Amino acid sequence: GEGAERPVPLMHGPTFMANPLACRVASASVQLLLDSPWQSRVGAIAQQLEAELRPLASSPAVRGVRVLGAIGVVEMEEPLHLPSVQALLVRRGVWLRPFGRMLYTMPPFVVSEAELRRITGGMRAVVEATESALLEKGARLESEVWRESQSHAG
């Protein structure tokens, strides 16, 4: 907003409250949802998010991974640098807006497997880029620790 020390997002919520056209569009949107197989779509999205995001939990850069329905969240150990993360994602054809340490997606229920794979691939790229920065500081990846333990076991 104007007069702020730094730019802040413009909030649009009050602009659309009780607007008759917006209410009609919302009503039609709800009807489209209710007439579709949305529950099975959400289940498929959840399974894919789980399969593609869960492996990221082993990264030292990741605090945790959560999936609830069609929402997938990768919580990083450190806050994400928004301009860098968005630039990396846009180069991969993905638009997400990280929030603090959270990198999350809430794809539409009509997302295809390929589209969702592109999104989760972008999320994986953010984790890998963050790992690279950690490695430059001397941190070791879980996969390296595991490989080392396997080489001593055999």
N, C-alpha and C. Protein backbone atom coordinates (compact mmCIF):
# COMPACT_ATOMS: atom_id res chain seq x y z
N GLY A 1 0.80 -1.18 0.00
CA GLY A 1 0.00 0.00 0.00
C GLY A 1 0.84 1.25 0.00
N GLU A 2 0.25 2.35 -0.30
CA GLU A 2 0.93 3.63 -0.34
C GLU A 2 1.35 4.05 1.05
N GLY A 3 2.56 4.61 1.13
CA GLY A 3 3.06 5.10 2.40
C GLY A 3 3.75 4.05 3.24
N ALA A 4 3.73 2.81 2.83
CA ALA A 4 4.41 1.75 3.57
C ALA A 4 5.91 1.86 3.35
N GLU A 5 6.69 1.42 4.34
CA GLU A 5 8.15 1.44 4.20
C GLU A 5 8.62 0.54 3.07
N ARG A 6 7.91 -0.55 2.85
CA ARG A 6 8.23 -1.46 1.75
C ARG A 6 6.90 -1.88 1.12
N PRO A 7 6.93 -2.33 -0.13
CA PRO A 7 5.68 -2.71 -0.80
C PRO A 7 4.95 -3.83 -0.04
N VAL A 8 3.65 -3.71 0.02
CA VAL A 8 2.82 -4.74 0.64
C VAL A 8 1.75 -5.16 -0.37
N PRO A 9 1.31 -6.43 -0.30
CA PRO A 9 0.29 -6.88 -1.27
C PRO A 9 -1.01 -6.09 -1.12
N LEU A 10 -1.64 -5.83 -2.24
CA LEU A 10 -2.94 -5.16 -2.23
C LEU A 10 -4.00 -6.21 -1.94
N MET A 11 -4.84 -5.98 -0.97
CA MET A 11 -5.88 -6.93 -0.60
C MET A 11 -7.15 -6.61 -1.41
N HIS A 12 -7.66 -7.63 -2.14
CA HIS A 12 -8.81 -7.42 -3.01
C HIS A 12 -10.12 -7.91 -2.40
N GLY A 13 -10.07 -8.61 -1.29
CA GLY A 13 -11.27 -9.21 -0.72
C GLY A 13 -12.47 -8.28 -0.65
N PRO A 14 -12.37 -7.13 -0.01
CA PRO A 14 -13.53 -6.24 0.11
C PRO A 14 -14.06 -5.74 -1.23
N THR A 15 -13.22 -5.70 -2.26
CA THR A 15 -13.63 -5.22 -3.57
C THR A 15 -14.77 -6.07 -4.15
N PHE A 16 -14.74 -7.38 -3.88
CA PHE A 16 -15.68 -8.29 -4.51
C PHE A 16 -16.79 -8.77 -3.58
N MET A 17 -16.82 -8.31 -2.35
CA MET A 17 -17.84 -8.77 -1.40
C MET A 17 -19.23 -8.30 -1.82
N ALA A 18 -20.15 -9.23 -1.94
CA ALA A 18 -21.56 -8.98 -2.23
C ALA A 18 -21.81 -8.40 -3.62
N ASN A 19 -20.85 -8.49 -4.51
CA ASN A 19 -21.04 -8.05 -5.88
C ASN A 19 -21.96 -9.07 -6.54
N PRO A 20 -23.11 -8.67 -7.09
CA PRO A 20 -24.07 -9.62 -7.65
C PRO A 20 -23.48 -10.51 -8.74
N LEU A 21 -22.68 -9.96 -9.62
CA LEU A 21 -22.08 -10.76 -10.67
C LEU A 21 -21.11 -11.79 -10.08
N ALA A 22 -20.28 -11.35 -9.14
CA ALA A 22 -19.34 -12.27 -8.50
C ALA A 22 -20.09 -13.38 -7.75
N CYS A 23 -21.21 -13.03 -7.12
CA CYS A 23 -22.01 -14.04 -6.41
C CYS A 23 -22.59 -15.07 -7.38
N ARG A 24 -23.05 -14.61 -8.54
CA ARG A 24 -23.61 -15.52 -9.54
C ARG A 24 -22.53 -16.45 -10.10
N VAL A 25 -21.36 -15.91 -10.35
CA VAL A 25 -20.24 -16.72 -10.83
C VAL A 25 -19.85 -17.74 -9.77
N ALA A 26 -19.80 -17.33 -8.52
CA ALA A 26 -19.46 -18.25 -7.43
C ALA A 26 -20.49 -19.37 -7.34
N SER A 27 -21.76 -19.04 -7.47
CA SER A 27 -22.82 -20.04 -7.42
C SER A 27 -22.69 -21.05 -8.56
N ALA A 28 -22.40 -20.56 -9.76
CA ALA A 28 -22.21 -21.46 -10.91
C ALA A 28 -20.98 -22.33 -10.71
N SER A 29 -19.93 -21.77 -10.13
CA SER A 29 -18.71 -22.52 -9.88
C SER A 29 -18.95 -23.65 -8.88
N VAL A 30 -19.70 -23.36 -7.84
CA VAL A 30 -20.04 -24.39 -6.84
C VAL A 30 -20.85 -25.50 -7.50
N GLN A 31 -21.79 -25.13 -8.36
CA GLN A 31 -22.60 -26.14 -9.04
C GLN A 31 -21.75 -27.03 -9.95
N LEU A 32 -20.81 -26.42 -10.68
CA LEU A 32 -19.89 -27.20 -11.51
C LEU A 32 -19.10 -28.19 -10.66
N LEU A 33 -18.65 -27.75 -9.51
CA LEU A 33 -17.91 -28.62 -8.60
C LEU A 33 -18.78 -29.79 -8.15
N LEU A 34 -19.99 -29.48 -7.71
CA LEU A 34 -20.88 -30.53 -7.19
C LEU A 34 -21.30 -31.52 -8.27
N ASP A 35 -21.33 -31.09 -9.52
CA ASP A 35 -21.71 -31.97 -10.63
C ASP A 35 -20.54 -32.79 -11.16
N SER A 36 -19.36 -32.61 -10.61
CA SER A 36 -18.16 -33.30 -11.11
C SER A 36 -17.73 -34.39 -10.13
N PRO A 37 -16.85 -35.28 -10.57
CA PRO A 37 -16.31 -36.31 -9.66
C PRO A 37 -15.14 -35.76 -8.84
N TRP A 38 -15.36 -34.66 -8.15
CA TRP A 38 -14.28 -33.96 -7.48
C TRP A 38 -13.60 -34.79 -6.39
N GLN A 39 -14.35 -35.65 -5.69
CA GLN A 39 -13.73 -36.43 -4.63
C GLN A 39 -12.65 -37.37 -5.18
N SER A 40 -12.94 -38.03 -6.30
CA SER A 40 -11.94 -38.94 -6.87
C SER A 40 -10.77 -38.15 -7.44
N ARG A 41 -11.04 -36.97 -7.97
CA ARG A 41 -9.95 -36.13 -8.48
C ARG A 41 -9.03 -35.71 -7.34
N VAL A 42 -9.62 -35.29 -6.23
CA VAL A 42 -8.82 -34.89 -5.07
C VAL A 42 -8.00 -36.08 -4.56
N GLY A 43 -8.60 -37.26 -4.53
CA GLY A 43 -7.87 -38.45 -4.10
C GLY A 43 -6.67 -38.74 -5.00
N ALA A 44 -6.84 -38.61 -6.31
CA ALA A 44 -5.74 -38.85 -7.24
C ALA A 44 -4.65 -37.79 -7.08
N ILE A 45 -5.05 -36.55 -6.88
CA ILE A 45 -4.07 -35.48 -6.67
C ILE A 45 -3.29 -35.74 -5.39
N ALA A 46 -3.99 -36.12 -4.33
CA ALA A 46 -3.33 -36.39 -3.05
C ALA A 46 -2.31 -37.52 -3.18
N GLN A 47 -2.68 -38.58 -3.89
CA GLN A 47 -1.75 -39.70 -4.08
C GLN A 47 -0.51 -39.26 -4.84
N GLN A 48 -0.70 -38.48 -5.87
CA GLN A 48 0.45 -38.03 -6.66
C GLN A 48 1.31 -37.07 -5.86
N LEU A 49 0.70 -36.15 -5.13
CA LEU A 49 1.47 -35.23 -4.29
C LEU A 49 2.29 -36.02 -3.27
N GLU A 50 1.67 -36.99 -2.64
CA GLU A 50 2.35 -37.81 -1.64
C GLU A 50 3.55 -38.53 -2.27
N ALA A 51 3.34 -39.16 -3.41
CA ALA A 51 4.40 -39.92 -4.08
C ALA A 51 5.55 -39.03 -4.54
N GLU A 52 5.24 -37.83 -4.99
CA GLU A 52 6.27 -36.97 -5.58
C GLU A 52 6.91 -36.00 -4.59
N LEU A 53 6.19 -35.66 -3.51
CA LEU A 53 6.76 -34.72 -2.53
C LEU A 53 7.38 -35.43 -1.32
N ARG A 54 6.84 -36.56 -0.91
CA ARG A 54 7.33 -37.24 0.31
C ARG A 54 8.83 -37.49 0.28
N PRO A 55 9.43 -37.91 -0.86
CA PRO A 55 10.88 -38.14 -0.86
C PRO A 55 11.71 -36.90 -0.51
N LEU A 56 11.14 -35.71 -0.68
CA LEU A 56 11.86 -34.49 -0.36
C LEU A 56 12.08 -34.33 1.14
N ALA A 57 11.32 -35.06 1.95
CA ALA A 57 11.43 -34.95 3.41
C ALA A 57 12.80 -35.36 3.92
N SER A 58 13.55 -36.15 3.15
CA SER A 58 14.86 -36.60 3.61
C SER A 58 15.96 -35.56 3.38
N SER A 59 15.63 -34.47 2.72
CA SER A 59 16.62 -33.43 2.46
C SER A 59 16.94 -32.66 3.75
N PRO A 60 18.21 -32.32 3.96
CA PRO A 60 18.54 -31.50 5.13
C PRO A 60 17.98 -30.08 5.03
N ALA A 61 17.57 -29.69 3.84
CA ALA A 61 16.99 -28.36 3.65
C ALA A 61 15.51 -28.32 4.00
N VAL A 62 14.90 -29.50 4.21
CA VAL A 62 13.45 -29.60 4.43
C VAL A 62 13.14 -29.96 5.87
N ARG A 63 12.25 -29.19 6.48
CA ARG A 63 11.79 -29.49 7.84
C ARG A 63 10.69 -30.54 7.82
N GLY A 64 9.83 -30.51 6.79
CA GLY A 64 8.76 -31.49 6.72
C GLY A 64 7.98 -31.36 5.43
N VAL A 65 7.24 -32.43 5.12
CA VAL A 65 6.36 -32.47 3.94
C VAL A 65 4.98 -32.86 4.43
N ARG A 66 3.97 -32.14 3.96
CA ARG A 66 2.59 -32.46 4.34
C ARG A 66 1.70 -32.46 3.11
N VAL A 67 0.79 -33.41 3.09
CA VAL A 67 -0.22 -33.47 2.04
C VAL A 67 -1.56 -33.66 2.72
N LEU A 68 -2.51 -32.83 2.37
CA LEU A 68 -3.88 -32.96 2.87
C LEU A 68 -4.80 -32.69 1.69
N GLY A 69 -5.42 -33.75 1.20
CA GLY A 69 -6.27 -33.60 0.02
C GLY A 69 -5.44 -33.10 -1.14
N ALA A 70 -5.87 -32.03 -1.77
CA ALA A 70 -5.18 -31.49 -2.93
C ALA A 70 -4.22 -30.36 -2.55
N ILE A 71 -3.71 -30.39 -1.32
CA ILE A 71 -2.76 -29.38 -0.86
C ILE A 71 -1.45 -30.09 -0.54
N GLY A 72 -0.37 -29.63 -1.14
CA GLY A 72 0.94 -30.18 -0.85
C GLY A 72 1.86 -29.08 -0.35
N VAL A 73 2.55 -29.36 0.76
CA VAL A 73 3.41 -28.36 1.39
C VAL A 73 4.78 -28.95 1.65
N VAL A 74 5.82 -28.22 1.26
CA VAL A 74 7.18 -28.54 1.65
C VAL A 74 7.62 -27.40 2.56
N GLU A 75 7.87 -27.73 3.82
CA GLU A 75 8.33 -26.71 4.77
C GLU A 75 9.85 -26.79 4.83
N MET A 76 10.49 -25.70 4.48
CA MET A 76 11.94 -25.64 4.46
C MET A 76 12.48 -25.28 5.85
N GLU A 77 13.74 -25.58 6.07
CA GLU A 77 14.38 -25.24 7.35
C GLU A 77 14.55 -23.73 7.50
N GLU A 78 14.80 -23.05 6.40
CA GLU A 78 15.03 -21.61 6.41
C GLU A 78 13.99 -20.92 5.53
N PRO A 79 13.71 -19.65 5.79
CA PRO A 79 12.79 -18.91 4.92
C PRO A 79 13.32 -18.88 3.48
N LEU A 80 12.41 -18.93 2.55
CA LEU A 80 12.76 -18.91 1.13
C LEU A 80 12.93 -17.48 0.65
N HIS A 81 13.88 -17.27 -0.24
CA HIS A 81 14.09 -15.95 -0.85
C HIS A 81 13.14 -15.87 -2.04
N LEU A 82 12.04 -15.17 -1.86
CA LEU A 82 10.94 -15.14 -2.83
C LEU A 82 11.37 -14.83 -4.26
N PRO A 83 12.13 -13.77 -4.53
CA PRO A 83 12.49 -13.49 -5.93
C PRO A 83 13.29 -14.62 -6.57
N SER A 84 14.22 -15.21 -5.84
CA SER A 84 15.04 -16.30 -6.39
C SER A 84 14.20 -17.54 -6.67
N VAL A 85 13.34 -17.88 -5.71
CA VAL A 85 12.51 -19.07 -5.86
C VAL A 85 11.53 -18.89 -7.01
N GLN A 86 10.89 -17.74 -7.09
CA GLN A 86 9.95 -17.53 -8.18
C GLN A 86 10.64 -17.55 -9.54
N ALA A 87 11.84 -16.99 -9.64
CA ALA A 87 12.57 -17.01 -10.91
C ALA A 87 12.89 -18.45 -11.31
N LEU A 88 13.33 -19.26 -10.37
CA LEU A 88 13.64 -20.66 -10.66
C LEU A 88 12.39 -21.40 -11.13
N LEU A 89 11.28 -21.18 -10.45
CA LEU A 89 10.03 -21.85 -10.81
C LEU A 89 9.51 -21.40 -12.17
N VAL A 90 9.55 -20.11 -12.43
CA VAL A 90 9.05 -19.58 -13.71
C VAL A 90 9.85 -20.15 -14.87
N ARG A 91 11.16 -20.31 -14.68
CA ARG A 91 11.98 -20.92 -15.74
C ARG A 91 11.51 -22.34 -16.05
N ARG A 92 10.85 -22.98 -15.10
CA ARG A 92 10.33 -24.34 -15.29
C ARG A 92 8.85 -24.35 -15.65
N GLY A 93 8.28 -23.16 -15.89
CA GLY A 93 6.88 -23.07 -16.28
C GLY A 93 5.91 -23.29 -15.14
N VAL A 94 6.33 -22.95 -13.92
CA VAL A 94 5.50 -23.16 -12.73
C VAL A 94 5.35 -21.83 -12.01
N TRP A 95 4.13 -21.56 -11.55
CA TRP A 95 3.88 -20.35 -10.77
C TRP A 95 3.38 -20.75 -9.39
N LEU A 96 4.22 -20.57 -8.39
CA LEU A 96 3.85 -20.78 -7.00
C LEU A 96 4.29 -19.54 -6.24
N ARG A 97 3.63 -19.29 -5.13
CA ARG A 97 4.03 -18.16 -4.29
C ARG A 97 4.41 -18.69 -2.92
N PRO A 98 5.72 -18.87 -2.69
CA PRO A 98 6.15 -19.34 -1.37
C PRO A 98 5.75 -18.33 -0.30
N PHE A 99 5.62 -18.83 0.91
CA PHE A 99 5.25 -17.99 2.05
C PHE A 99 6.18 -18.34 3.20
N GLY A 100 7.13 -17.47 3.49
CA GLY A 100 8.08 -17.74 4.56
C GLY A 100 8.91 -18.97 4.24
N ARG A 101 8.78 -20.01 5.08
CA ARG A 101 9.49 -21.27 4.85
C ARG A 101 8.65 -22.26 4.06
N MET A 102 7.41 -21.89 3.72
CA MET A 102 6.49 -22.82 3.08
C MET A 102 6.49 -22.67 1.56
N LEU A 103 6.69 -23.80 0.90
CA LEU A 103 6.53 -23.89 -0.55
C LEU A 103 5.33 -24.81 -0.73
N TYR A 104 4.25 -24.29 -1.26
CA TYR A 104 3.01 -25.07 -1.28
C TYR A 104 2.31 -24.97 -2.62
N THR A 105 1.47 -25.95 -2.86
CA THR A 105 0.63 -25.93 -4.05
C THR A 105 -0.78 -26.34 -3.67
N MET A 106 -1.73 -25.72 -4.32
CA MET A 106 -3.15 -26.07 -4.20
C MET A 106 -3.69 -26.09 -5.62
N PRO A 107 -3.34 -27.12 -6.38
CA PRO A 107 -3.73 -27.14 -7.80
C PRO A 107 -5.23 -27.27 -7.98
N PRO A 108 -5.72 -26.81 -9.11
CA PRO A 108 -7.16 -26.99 -9.38
C PRO A 108 -7.47 -28.48 -9.51
N PHE A 109 -8.69 -28.85 -9.20
CA PHE A 109 -9.08 -30.26 -9.21
C PHE A 109 -9.05 -30.86 -10.61
N VAL A 110 -8.91 -30.04 -11.64
CA VAL A 110 -8.85 -30.53 -13.02
C VAL A 110 -7.41 -30.63 -13.53
N VAL A 111 -6.42 -30.49 -12.65
CA VAL A 111 -5.02 -30.57 -13.06
C VAL A 111 -4.74 -31.98 -13.60
N SER A 112 -3.95 -32.04 -14.67
CA SER A 112 -3.58 -33.35 -15.23
C SER A 112 -2.37 -33.90 -14.46
N GLU A 113 -2.11 -35.19 -14.62
CA GLU A 113 -0.93 -35.79 -13.98
C GLU A 113 0.34 -35.09 -14.44
N ALA A 114 0.44 -34.81 -15.74
CA ALA A 114 1.63 -34.15 -16.29
C ALA A 114 1.79 -32.74 -15.72
N GLU A 115 0.70 -32.00 -15.63
CA GLU A 115 0.76 -30.65 -15.06
C GLU A 115 1.19 -30.68 -13.61
N LEU A 116 0.63 -31.63 -12.85
CA LEU A 116 1.00 -31.74 -11.44
C LEU A 116 2.46 -32.18 -11.31
N ARG A 117 2.92 -33.05 -12.18
CA ARG A 117 4.32 -33.48 -12.17
C ARG A 117 5.24 -32.29 -12.43
N ARG A 118 4.82 -31.38 -13.30
CA ARG A 118 5.61 -30.17 -13.55
C ARG A 118 5.68 -29.32 -12.28
N ILE A 119 4.57 -29.20 -11.57
CA ILE A 119 4.54 -28.42 -10.33
C ILE A 119 5.45 -29.05 -9.28
N THR A 120 5.30 -30.35 -9.05
CA THR A 120 6.12 -31.01 -8.02
C THR A 120 7.59 -31.04 -8.45
N GLY A 121 7.83 -31.11 -9.76
CA GLY A 121 9.21 -31.03 -10.24
C GLY A 121 9.83 -29.67 -9.94
N GLY A 122 9.04 -28.62 -10.05
CA GLY A 122 9.52 -27.29 -9.68
C GLY A 122 9.81 -27.20 -8.20
N MET A 123 8.94 -27.80 -7.39
CA MET A 123 9.17 -27.81 -5.94
C MET A 123 10.45 -28.58 -5.62
N ARG A 124 10.66 -29.71 -6.30
CA ARG A 124 11.88 -30.49 -6.10
C ARG A 124 13.11 -29.66 -6.49
N ALA A 125 13.01 -28.89 -7.58
CA ALA A 125 14.12 -28.05 -8.02
C ALA A 125 14.47 -27.01 -6.96
N VAL A 126 13.48 -26.46 -6.29
CA VAL A 126 13.74 -25.49 -5.21
C VAL A 126 14.51 -26.18 -4.08
N VAL A 127 14.06 -27.37 -3.72
CA VAL A 127 14.75 -28.12 -2.65
C VAL A 127 16.19 -28.41 -3.07
N GLU A 128 16.38 -28.87 -4.30
CA GLU A 128 17.73 -29.21 -4.77
C GLU A 128 18.63 -27.97 -4.82
N ALA A 129 18.08 -26.84 -5.24
CA ALA A 129 18.87 -25.60 -5.27
C ALA A 129 19.24 -25.18 -3.86
N THR A 130 18.33 -25.38 -2.92
CA THR A 130 18.60 -25.05 -1.52
C THR A 130 19.66 -25.99 -0.96
N GLU A 131 19.56 -27.28 -1.31
CA GLU A 131 20.58 -28.25 -0.88
C GLU A 131 21.95 -27.84 -1.39
N SER A 132 22.03 -27.41 -2.64
CA SER A 132 23.31 -27.00 -3.22
C SER A 132 23.93 -25.88 -2.41
N ALA A 133 23.11 -24.94 -2.00
CA ALA A 133 23.62 -23.84 -1.18
C ALA A 133 24.10 -24.37 0.17
N LEU A 134 23.38 -25.35 0.73
CA LEU A 134 23.81 -25.95 1.99
C LEU A 134 25.14 -26.69 1.81
N LEU A 135 25.26 -27.39 0.69
CA LEU A 135 26.49 -28.14 0.45
C LEU A 135 27.69 -27.20 0.35
N GLU A 136 27.47 -26.03 -0.22
CA GLU A 136 28.56 -25.05 -0.30
C GLU A 136 29.02 -24.64 1.09
N LYS A 137 28.11 -24.74 2.07
CA LYS A 137 28.45 -24.39 3.45
C LYS A 137 28.99 -25.60 4.21
N GLY A 138 29.08 -26.78 3.54
CA GLY A 138 29.65 -27.95 4.19
C GLY A 138 28.66 -28.96 4.72
N ALA A 139 27.36 -28.73 4.55
CA ALA A 139 26.37 -29.70 5.03
C ALA A 139 26.41 -30.94 4.15
N ARG A 140 26.03 -32.08 4.70
CA ARG A 140 26.01 -33.33 3.94
C ARG A 140 24.56 -33.76 3.75
N LEU A 141 24.26 -34.23 2.55
CA LEU A 141 22.91 -34.71 2.26
C LEU A 141 22.70 -36.08 2.89
N GLU A 142 21.45 -36.37 3.24
CA GLU A 142 21.10 -37.68 3.79
C GLU A 142 21.51 -38.79 2.84
N SER A 143 21.36 -38.58 1.54
CA SER A 143 21.72 -39.63 0.57
C SER A 143 23.21 -39.93 0.63
N GLU A 144 24.05 -38.92 0.89
CA GLU A 144 25.49 -39.16 1.00
C GLU A 144 25.81 -39.95 2.26
N VAL A 145 25.16 -39.63 3.35
CA VAL A 145 25.38 -40.35 4.60
C VAL A 145 24.98 -41.82 4.42
N TRP A 146 23.86 -42.05 3.76
CA TRP A 146 23.39 -43.41 3.53
C TRP A 146 24.37 -44.18 2.65
N ARG A 147 24.80 -43.56 1.54
CA ARG A 147 25.75 -44.24 0.64
C ARG A 147 27.04 -44.59 1.37
N GLU A 148 27.50 -43.68 2.19
CA GLU A 148 28.73 -43.92 2.96
C GLU A 148 28.53 -45.10 3.92
N SER A 149 27.38 -45.16 4.60
CA SER A 149 27.12 -46.26 5.53
C SER A 149 27.03 -47.59 4.78
N GLN A 150 26.49 -47.57 3.56
CA GLN A 150 26.38 -48.80 2.76
C GLN A 150 27.74 -49.28 2.29
N SER A 151 28.63 -48.34 1.97
CA SER A 151 29.94 -48.76 1.48
C SER A 151 30.77 -49.39 2.60
N HIS A 152 30.55 -48.96 3.86
CA HIS A 152 31.25 -49.54 4.99
C HIS A 152 30.62 -50.87 5.43
N ALA A 153 29.34 -51.05 5.11
CA ALA A 153 28.64 -52.27 5.52
C ALA A 153 29.04 -53.46 4.64
N GLY A 154 29.47 -53.21 3.41
CA GLY A 154 29.74 -54.30 2.46
C GLY A 154 31.15 -54.57 2.31
